[in-house]
Amino acid sequence: MKRIYLKPVPGRACPDPENGGELLPEGGASVPHNAYWQRRLNDGDAVECKPAKGGKPA
């Protein structure tokens, strides 16, 4: 499955079902591009971005 790198919008929380409901880190993480994460994008809870230089995707 394709993966995308997302980070939460300031003031929003995005639980990650793959990690037992832990919140998406402020710096972002690599997540599967599925219906759940697409809804987070559509609802404005998260934005797609590039990983920080030197950082490794989760």
C-alpha atoms as a PDB file:
ATOM      1  CA  MET A   1       0.000   0.000   0.000  1.00  0.00           C
ATOM      2  CA  LYS A   2       1.219   3.503  -0.773  1.00  0.00           C
ATOM      3  CA  ARG A   3       2.425   5.496   2.223  1.00  0.00           C
ATOM      4  CA  ILE A   4       2.237   9.244   2.701  1.00  0.00           C
ATOM      5  CA  TYR A   5       3.904  11.552   5.214  1.00  0.00           C
ATOM      6  CA  LEU A   6       1.429  13.554   7.309  1.00  0.00           C
ATOM      7  CA  LYS A   7       1.628  15.906  10.232  1.00  0.00           C
ATOM      8  CA  PRO A   8      -1.248  17.151  12.354  1.00  0.00           C
ATOM      9  CA  VAL A   9      -2.498  20.706  11.934  1.00  0.00           C
ATOM     10  CA  PRO A  10      -1.700  22.812  15.046  1.00  0.00           C
ATOM     11  CA  GLY A  11      -4.467  22.410  17.613  1.00  0.00           C
ATOM     12  CA  ARG A  12      -5.718  19.114  16.140  1.00  0.00           C
ATOM     13  CA  ALA A  13      -5.072  15.569  17.330  1.00  0.00           C
ATOM     14  CA  CYS A  14      -4.877  12.606  14.976  1.00  0.00           C
ATOM     15  CA  PRO A  15      -4.962   9.185  16.659  1.00  0.00           C
ATOM     16  CA  ASP A  16      -3.043   6.548  14.696  1.00  0.00           C
ATOM     17  CA  PRO A  17      -4.947   3.243  14.617  1.00  0.00           C
ATOM     18  CA  GLU A  18      -1.780   1.356  13.598  1.00  0.00           C
ATOM     19  CA  ASN A  19      -0.060   2.469  16.821  1.00  0.00           C
ATOM     20  CA  GLY A  20      -2.789   1.673  19.312  1.00  0.00           C
ATOM     21  CA  GLY A  21      -4.370   5.110  19.073  1.00  0.00           C
ATOM     22  CA  GLU A  22      -1.190   7.065  19.856  1.00  0.00           C
ATOM     23  CA  LEU A  23      -1.343  10.560  18.430  1.00  0.00           C
ATOM     24  CA  LEU A  24       0.403  11.424  15.195  1.00  0.00           C
ATOM     25  CA  PRO A  25       3.635  13.201  16.234  1.00  0.00           C
ATOM     26  CA  GLU A  26       3.832  16.975  15.704  1.00  0.00           C
ATOM     27  CA  GLY A  27       6.789  16.422  13.387  1.00  0.00           C
ATOM     28  CA  GLY A  28       4.769  13.999  11.284  1.00  0.00           C
ATOM     29  CA  ALA A  29       4.964  10.338  10.373  1.00  0.00           C
ATOM     30  CA  SER A  30       4.676   7.990   7.434  1.00  0.00           C
ATOM     31  CA  VAL A  31       1.211   6.436   7.351  1.00  0.00           C
ATOM     32  CA  PRO A  32      -0.670   4.216   4.894  1.00  0.00           C
ATOM     33  CA  HIS A  33      -2.735   6.125   2.340  1.00  0.00           C
ATOM     34  CA  ASN A  34      -6.075   4.587   3.260  1.00  0.00           C
ATOM     35  CA  ALA A  35      -9.625   5.792   3.885  1.00  0.00           C
ATOM     36  CA  TYR A  36      -8.907   6.738   7.519  1.00  0.00           C
ATOM     37  CA  TRP A  37      -5.999   9.052   6.702  1.00  0.00           C
ATOM     38  CA  GLN A  38      -7.770  10.436   3.658  1.00  0.00           C
ATOM     39  CA  ARG A  39     -10.624  11.493   5.977  1.00  0.00           C
ATOM     40  CA  ARG A  40      -8.090  13.228   8.258  1.00  0.00           C
ATOM     41  CA  LEU A  41      -6.825  15.138   5.213  1.00  0.00           C
ATOM     42  CA  ASN A  42     -10.346  15.958   3.980  1.00  0.00           C
ATOM     43  CA  ASP A  43     -11.431  17.129   7.452  1.00  0.00           C
ATOM     44  CA  GLY A  44      -8.387  19.391   7.793  1.00  0.00           C
ATOM     45  CA  ASP A  45      -6.960  17.471  10.760  1.00  0.00           C
ATOM     46  CA  ALA A  46      -3.669  16.710   8.988  1.00  0.00           C
ATOM     47  CA  VAL A  47      -1.615  17.950   6.057  1.00  0.00           C
ATOM     48  CA  GLU A  48       0.694  16.087   3.712  1.00  0.00           C
ATOM     49  CA  CYS A  49       4.315  17.178   3.970  1.00  0.00           C
ATOM     50  CA  LYS A  50       7.862  16.003   3.450  1.00  0.00           C
ATOM     51  CA  PRO A  51       9.888  14.507   6.296  1.00  0.00           C
ATOM     52  CA  ALA A  52      12.282  16.903   8.011  1.00  0.00           C
ATOM     53  CA  LYS A  53      15.726  16.784   6.433  1.00  0.00           C
ATOM     54  CA  GLY A  54      17.899  14.326   8.305  1.00  0.00           C
ATOM     55  CA  GLY A  55      14.883  12.815  10.021  1.00  0.00           C
ATOM     56  CA  LYS A  56      13.709   9.339   9.276  1.00  0.00           C
ATOM     57  CA  PRO A  57      10.048   8.528   8.586  1.00  0.00           C
ATOM     58  CA  ALA A  58       8.262   6.581  11.304  1.00  0.00           C
END
